[in-house]
Structures are given as structure tokens and as C-alpha cells.
Protein backbone atom coordinates (compact mmCIF):
# COMPACT_ATOMS: atom_id res chain seq x y z
CA UNK A 1 -0.12 -0.20 0.15
CA UNK A 2 1.56 3.67 -0.42
CA UNK A 3 2.72 5.23 2.23
CA UNK A 4 0.21 8.48 2.98
CA UNK A 5 2.81 11.12 1.77
CA UNK A 6 3.48 9.68 -1.24
CA UNK A 7 0.20 9.34 -1.96
CA UNK A 8 -0.67 12.84 -0.82
CA UNK A 9 1.84 13.97 -3.50
CA UNK A 10 0.60 12.04 -6.11
CA UNK A 11 -3.04 13.69 -6.02
CA UNK A 12 -1.13 16.93 -5.55
CA UNK A 13 0.66 16.06 -8.80
CA UNK A 14 -3.06 15.20 -10.72
CA UNK A 15 -4.55 18.55 -9.65
CA UNK A 16 -1.29 20.64 -10.75
CA UNK A 17 -2.37 18.69 -13.98
CA UNK A 18 -5.70 19.60 -13.77
CA UNK A 19 -4.62 23.20 -13.35
CA UNK A 20 -2.78 23.26 -16.70
CA UNK A 21 -6.44 22.34 -18.72
CA UNK A 22 -6.27 26.27 -19.56
CA UNK A 23 -3.00 26.72 -20.87
CA UNK A 24 -2.92 23.09 -22.54
CA UNK A 25 -6.54 22.54 -23.17
CA UNK A 26 -5.95 19.60 -25.82
CA UNK A 27 -3.68 18.40 -23.17
CA UNK A 28 -0.56 18.10 -25.01
CA UNK A 29 2.13 19.32 -23.00
CA UNK A 30 6.17 19.77 -23.49
CA UNK A 31 8.60 16.99 -22.00
CA UNK A 32 10.00 20.53 -20.57
CA UNK A 33 7.11 21.42 -18.61
CA UNK A 34 6.95 17.94 -17.22
CA UNK A 35 9.98 17.71 -16.43
CA UNK A 36 10.45 21.14 -14.43
CA UNK A 37 7.42 23.06 -13.33
CA UNK A 38 5.10 20.90 -10.92
CA UNK A 39 5.87 21.84 -7.58
CA UNK A 40 4.56 20.41 -4.40
CA UNK A 41 5.04 21.84 -1.49
CA UNK A 42 8.45 24.01 -2.77
CA UNK A 43 10.17 21.04 -3.90
CA UNK A 44 10.32 20.57 -7.58
CA UNK A 45 8.43 16.41 -8.56
CA UNK A 46 9.62 15.31 -11.76
CA UNK A 47 7.13 13.73 -13.68
CA UNK A 48 8.90 12.39 -17.00
CA UNK A 49 12.45 11.69 -17.81
CA UNK A 50 14.63 9.16 -20.06
CA UNK A 51 13.14 5.61 -18.92
CA UNK A 52 9.42 5.79 -20.26
CA UNK A 53 8.60 3.84 -16.41
CA UNK A 54 9.12 7.13 -14.18
CA UNK A 55 9.69 6.98 -10.57
CA UNK A 56 10.37 10.57 -8.73
CA UNK A 57 12.43 10.53 -5.63
CA UNK A 58 9.74 11.66 -3.80
CA UNK A 59 6.89 9.07 -4.34
CA UNK A 60 7.30 5.37 -3.40
CA UNK A 61 6.23 3.88 -6.60
CA UNK A 62 6.25 4.74 -10.41
CA UNK A 63 4.13 8.22 -11.49
CA UNK A 64 4.39 7.42 -14.89
CA UNK A 65 4.50 5.42 -18.14
CA UNK A 66 5.41 7.32 -21.80
CA UNK A 67 5.38 6.02 -25.17
CA UNK A 68 7.75 7.50 -27.28
CA UNK A 69 7.32 8.07 -31.26
CA UNK A 70 10.58 5.44 -31.99
CA UNK A 71 10.89 3.58 -28.68
CA UNK A 72 11.03 -0.08 -29.17
CA UNK A 73 8.70 -0.69 -26.38
CA UNK A 74 5.94 1.27 -28.26
CA UNK A 75 2.66 0.90 -26.74
CA UNK A 76 0.05 -1.30 -28.49
CA UNK A 77 -3.92 0.04 -28.93
CA UNK A 78 -6.29 -3.29 -28.29
CA UNK A 79 -9.58 -3.51 -29.80
CA UNK A 80 -11.25 -0.25 -28.92
CA UNK A 81 -10.95 -0.42 -25.01
CA UNK A 82 -7.41 -1.41 -23.41
CA UNK A 83 -3.60 -0.42 -23.99
CA UNK A 84 -0.82 -2.97 -24.07
CA UNK A 85 2.25 -1.61 -22.68
CA UNK A 86 5.52 -3.22 -22.84
CA UNK A 87 8.35 -4.20 -20.47
CA UNK A 88 11.46 -2.22 -20.11
CA UNK A 89 14.12 -4.84 -21.41
CA UNK A 90 12.98 -8.56 -21.47
CA UNK A 91 13.82 -9.14 -17.79
CA UNK A 92 9.71 -9.12 -15.88
CA UNK A 93 11.92 -8.61 -12.11
CA UNK A 94 14.05 -5.81 -13.53
CA UNK A 95 12.92 -3.13 -10.66
CA UNK A 96 11.69 -0.59 -13.07
CA UNK A 97 8.81 -3.56 -14.25
CA UNK A 98 8.61 -4.38 -10.51
CA UNK A 99 7.46 -0.72 -9.83
CA UNK A 100 4.59 -0.92 -12.23
CA UNK A 101 3.54 -4.47 -10.81
CA UNK A 102 3.68 -2.87 -7.98
CA UNK A 103 0.72 -0.11 -8.90
CA UNK A 104 -1.12 -2.73 -10.54
CA UNK A 105 -1.33 -5.26 -7.16
CA UNK A 106 -1.90 -2.15 -4.88
CA UNK A 107 -4.44 -0.38 -7.58
CA UNK A 108 -1.72 2.76 -7.68
CA UNK A 109 -3.27 5.84 -10.75
CA UNK A 110 -0.76 6.66 -12.70
CA UNK A 111 0.07 8.97 -15.58
CA UNK A 112 -0.32 7.97 -19.23
CA UNK A 113 2.21 10.11 -21.49
CA UNK A 114 1.75 9.32 -25.77
CA UNK A 115 4.41 11.14 -27.27
CA UNK A 116 2.64 13.18 -30.35
CA UNK A 117 5.59 14.41 -31.73
CA UNK A 118 8.74 15.44 -30.72
CA UNK A 119 9.02 16.34 -27.17
CA UNK A 120 5.29 16.74 -26.97
CA UNK A 121 3.44 14.73 -25.04
CA UNK A 122 -0.82 14.16 -24.46
CA UNK A 123 -1.28 13.14 -21.02
CA UNK A 124 -4.04 11.15 -19.49
CA UNK A 125 -4.63 10.20 -16.29
CA UNK A 126 -5.69 8.46 -13.71
CA UNK A 127 -4.69 5.05 -15.67
CA UNK A 128 -4.17 1.67 -14.32
CA UNK A 129 -2.53 -1.55 -14.71
CA UNK A 130 -4.82 -3.89 -14.79
CA UNK A 131 -2.61 -7.52 -15.95
CA UNK A 132 0.31 -8.56 -15.77
CA UNK A 133 1.36 -10.31 -19.22
CA UNK A 134 4.52 -11.85 -18.30
CA UNK A 135 4.82 -14.38 -21.69
CA UNK A 136 4.70 -10.97 -23.84
CA UNK A 137 6.42 -9.14 -21.69
CA UNK A 138 4.05 -6.30 -21.31
CA UNK A 139 1.34 -5.18 -18.99
CA UNK A 140 -2.49 -4.04 -19.96
CA UNK A 141 -3.32 -0.35 -18.90
CA UNK A 142 -6.77 0.97 -18.29
CA UNK A 143 -8.13 4.33 -17.88
CA UNK A 144 -10.23 5.41 -15.31
CA UNK A 145 -12.84 7.81 -14.62
CA UNK A 146 -12.31 8.04 -10.95
CA UNK A 147 -9.07 9.69 -9.14
CA UNK A 148 -8.48 6.36 -7.29
CA UNK A 149 -10.51 3.00 -7.62
CA UNK A 150 -11.16 1.79 -4.65
CA UNK A 151 -11.56 -2.07 -3.94
CA UNK A 152 -14.65 -3.73 -5.09
CA UNK A 153 -17.65 -5.39 -2.60
CA UNK A 154 -19.61 -7.44 -4.74
CA UNK A 155 -19.81 -9.70 -8.31
CA UNK A 156 -22.08 -6.60 -9.72
CA UNK A 157 -20.23 -3.54 -8.44
CA UNK A 158 -16.86 -5.54 -10.32
CA UNK A 159 -18.93 -5.74 -13.40
CA UNK A 160 -20.07 -2.24 -13.19
CA UNK A 161 -16.81 -0.92 -12.86
CA UNK A 162 -15.24 -2.95 -15.81
CA UNK A 163 -17.95 -1.45 -17.69
CA UNK A 164 -16.78 1.83 -16.58
CA UNK A 165 -13.39 1.70 -17.08
CA UNK A 166 -13.20 -0.51 -20.39
CA UNK A 167 -15.60 3.02 -21.69
CA UNK A 168 -13.03 5.50 -20.11
CA UNK A 169 -10.24 3.61 -21.70
CA UNK A 170 -12.05 3.52 -25.01
CA UNK A 171 -13.05 6.99 -24.83
CA UNK A 172 -8.96 7.73 -23.94
CA UNK A 173 -8.00 5.82 -27.13
CA UNK A 174 -10.15 7.63 -29.59
CA UNK A 175 -8.85 10.68 -28.13
CA UNK A 176 -4.76 9.93 -28.43
CA UNK A 177 -5.89 8.95 -31.74
CA UNK A 178 -7.57 12.22 -32.68
CA UNK A 179 -4.86 14.37 -30.56
CA UNK A 180 -1.93 12.71 -32.06
CA UNK A 181 -3.91 13.57 -35.40
CA UNK A 182 -4.14 16.81 -35.01
CA UNK A 183 -0.51 17.61 -33.12
CA UNK A 184 1.13 16.06 -36.47
CA UNK A 185 -0.79 17.93 -38.90
CA UNK A 186 -0.49 21.57 -36.95
CA UNK A 187 2.97 20.80 -36.87
CA UNK A 188 3.18 20.24 -40.66
CA UNK A 189 1.57 23.31 -41.53
CA UNK A 190 3.48 25.48 -39.01
CA UNK A 191 0.40 26.20 -37.23
CA UNK A 192 -1.81 28.40 -39.70
CA UNK A 193 -4.69 27.52 -41.87
CA UNK A 194 -3.37 26.21 -44.89
CA UNK A 195 -6.40 28.35 -46.41
CA UNK A 196 -6.27 31.99 -45.30
CA UNK A 197 -2.98 31.78 -42.80
CA UNK A 198 -4.29 32.68 -39.26
CA UNK A 199 -1.92 31.66 -36.98
CA UNK A 200 -3.59 31.45 -33.54
CA UNK A 201 -3.43 27.62 -32.58
CA UNK A 202 -6.51 27.73 -30.31
CA UNK A 203 -8.50 28.78 -32.88
CA UNK A 204 -7.21 25.94 -35.93
CA UNK A 205 -8.52 22.06 -35.73
CA UNK A 206 -6.74 18.92 -37.90
CA UNK A 207 -9.72 18.49 -40.36
CA UNK A 208 -9.73 15.42 -42.03
CA UNK A 209 -9.74 15.00 -46.32
CA UNK A 210 -11.45 11.32 -46.11
CA UNK A 211 -13.68 11.11 -42.49
CA UNK A 212 -13.24 8.31 -40.63
CA UNK A 213 -16.49 7.39 -41.90
CA UNK A 214 -15.59 6.72 -45.21
CA UNK A 215 -12.80 4.96 -44.15
CA UNK A 216 -10.02 7.87 -44.06
CA UNK A 217 -6.58 7.52 -42.24
CA UNK A 218 -5.46 9.40 -39.76
CA UNK A 219 -2.17 10.76 -41.19
CA UNK A 220 -1.08 13.76 -41.87
CA UNK A 221 -1.63 13.44 -45.71
CA UNK A 222 -5.83 12.98 -45.14
CA UNK A 223 -5.04 16.15 -42.99
CA UNK A 224 -5.68 19.80 -43.65
CA UNK A 225 -4.99 22.56 -40.83
CA UNK A 226 -7.75 24.86 -41.36
CA UNK A 227 -9.15 27.62 -38.52
CA UNK A 228 -12.91 26.74 -37.15
CA UNK A 229 -14.41 28.58 -39.77
CA UNK A 230 -12.86 27.05 -43.07
CA UNK A 231 -13.23 23.67 -41.39
CA UNK A 232 -16.78 23.98 -40.94
CA UNK A 233 -16.75 25.24 -44.73
CA UNK A 234 -15.04 22.01 -45.82
CA UNK A 235 -17.17 20.06 -44.56
CA UNK A 236 -20.44 21.11 -45.48
CA UNK A 237 -18.74 21.47 -48.74
CA UNK A 238 -19.26 25.25 -49.03
CA UNK A 239 -16.07 25.53 -50.22
CA UNK A 240 -14.03 22.43 -51.99
CA UNK A 241 -9.85 21.73 -52.77
CA UNK A 242 -8.99 20.76 -55.78
CA UNK A 243 -5.83 18.02 -56.61
CA UNK A 244 -3.50 20.57 -58.21
CA UNK A 245 -4.47 22.63 -54.30
CA UNK A 246 -6.61 24.94 -55.30
CA UNK A 247 -9.68 26.28 -53.05
CA UNK A 248 -12.86 26.56 -54.81
CA UNK A 249 -16.37 27.67 -53.25
CA UNK A 250 -19.38 26.53 -54.37
CA UNK A 251 -21.33 28.77 -57.12
CA UNK A 252 -24.11 29.20 -55.13
CA UNK A 253 -22.02 30.73 -52.34
CA UNK A 254 -20.68 32.89 -54.37
CA UNK A 255 -23.74 35.01 -55.59
CA UNK A 256 -24.74 35.20 -52.19
CA UNK A 257 -24.41 38.67 -50.24
CA UNK A 258 -24.61 38.56 -46.73
CA UNK A 259 -21.94 40.59 -45.14
CA UNK A 260 -17.95 41.24 -43.99
CA UNK A 261 -17.56 37.64 -43.00
CA UNK A 262 -18.99 35.47 -46.58
CA UNK A 263 -17.61 38.34 -48.29
CA UNK A 264 -13.67 38.69 -47.14
CA UNK A 265 -13.76 34.53 -44.92
CA UNK A 266 -15.23 32.62 -47.76
CA UNK A 267 -15.57 34.10 -51.19
CA UNK A 268 -12.22 36.25 -51.11
CA UNK A 269 -10.79 32.43 -50.73
CA UNK A 270 -11.80 31.04 -54.10
CA UNK A 271 -9.04 30.65 -56.43
CA UNK A 272 -6.61 30.76 -53.89
CA UNK A 273 -4.06 27.87 -53.84
CA UNK A 274 -3.57 26.16 -50.96
CA UNK A 275 -0.75 26.89 -48.20
CA UNK A 276 1.03 23.80 -48.08
CA UNK A 277 3.51 21.95 -46.04
CA UNK A 278 7.30 22.49 -46.04
CA UNK A 279 7.91 18.50 -46.71
CA UNK A 280 5.87 17.30 -49.89
CA UNK A 281 5.98 13.83 -47.73
CA UNK A 282 3.56 15.83 -45.28
CA UNK A 283 1.48 17.18 -48.33
CA UNK A 284 -1.91 16.68 -49.21
CA UNK A 285 -2.48 13.51 -51.26
CA UNK A 286 -4.04 14.58 -54.18
CA UNK A 287 -5.66 11.76 -55.00
CA UNK A 288 -7.74 11.83 -51.92
CA UNK A 289 -8.18 15.24 -52.54
CA UNK A 290 -9.80 14.27 -56.22
CA UNK A 291 -12.34 11.68 -54.12
CA UNK A 292 -13.06 14.24 -51.82
CA UNK A 293 -13.39 17.19 -54.77
CA UNK A 294 -15.75 14.91 -56.67
CA UNK A 295 -17.77 15.23 -53.53
CA UNK A 296 -17.76 18.81 -53.61
CA UNK A 297 -18.98 19.09 -57.70
CA UNK A 298 -21.84 17.03 -56.54
CA UNK A 299 -23.63 18.90 -54.47
């Protein structure tokens, strides 16, 4: 069981993470912030380091688990509601792996840090280790909607808690997918709208060229960094983008007379060239743009 002082610091860390919601509403936090900015009782608590499984000096057990883009220990999504997290190395009894096993046995909540771009992590908390798969050298991770998981008292409660955790974990995985896609698309476009060049990150979205429901892939080549008005206009086929990266506005919208927002925000974009990523490999896939443009033309 975690001692009182360690538990107190752990929950102070969670409170600190909650306080970052205004500055980082998408929960994508730079590694330098995680390593340097959490202060509890006048003392810095480091939440992330070189090791994927991290235990600060003030705590009895680990506080975070981290996946990296280029890590050989990268996590795997399992169906829709569980995450597999690889051991450190191949020794189940390595002290780092024993630390996570202790978290599982004592039902200790952790922070899950998923790297979405170099040095930036999408943080989710609390998560719990729920199974130690020694055969596959990995742990199974689930999210929880509660701050701390208490021991269940009967079968009905166990079943309800299991369903609740599966639902929370499924939501977490969806957020991880969406957050990773958004961060990589915005980074490719240098955090500006590809149509109007607006540079306020908080007003930008990562728009899908081919939607998830149509089989679109969560890759940068299927994404566009768009401000919220142009994202909505693109989704509603008010404007389209040709395979040659030219912005087109629907004819009936061009003829409409409304006000300055329509005139300058939508109509004035007609015929403009899309502002593309510097990297050719990150630019929109022309075949996907053509497929989407056909939909626009047939509206």
C-alpha cells in the first residue's frame, strides 16, 4: 500500500495537471514542462525522464508511463478499450517492471504520456495497470473515470466497474488518436490555416480530407490545418480543394450577399492556392483530394 505522504504528493500532481487545462486545453504538454514545472510543497516533482516508466524521488511507486514515437517499447492499442505497455527490457523482475507490478497490486493511479510529436506528450490520467502479461513481456493499461480505484465489494460492483473502465479507456484511446492526428497535422502546417494563414493555434483544427466514417486514415497526408470557419465550410462542402491544391467556393455561395464575414472570409478565398507544408511528404494526398473534390462538385 502506498504510504500517506507519497499518496498526498501523487494527488497534488494530479491537481497540478488539472490546473494546466487553460494553458494546454488539448492536454498536449511539452516534456520540459513535465520535467521542471510541477512544484509540490516547494519541491520540484519530475514527472518524466529518460525511462519510459518513471518514479520521482519523492514517491514510493512510479508516477508515469510514457510511449515514444521511435521507441522499441512502443505501446499497442488492443481492440477499442485496452492498451498494452511493453516491459522495460526482457526481464520481468527488472526493478522498473517490478515498480509497475506494485502499482497494479496496490491499485495505484498513473499518468499515461503518449508522444504525439518530438518532445510533446498527450497526457491522460488516471490510468491503472490491470494485468501483468509475463508471456508477452507487457502490462495491460486501462483508464478510469475516478481519481482513485477503491476495492470492489461484490460481483455486481466488479462488473459495473469493469464496464466503466472499458468505456473510459475507449474514450481515452479515441482522444489519443485524435490528439496525435491534430498535433502532427498542425506541426506539418507550422500552426497556421492552410486557406487563410490564420496563426492562432487555439482557433485551428486538423480536418480530415476523407473522414473516418469513409475509411480515411489518421495520417498527415489525409489532414489539413484549417481555422474553425474554414474547417466547417470544408466539411459542409461550402468550399472544396482541387487535386492541384486550389481553393474553390461553391457557385451559389459566391453569388450570395450577406456581410463582411462571407465576403472576406469565404468568397475572397475562391481561386487561392492552398498554403502547403514545406515537406513534400506531408502534403495532401492528391488522390484523396480528388475523391473529396468529386463530392464537393456534386453537392
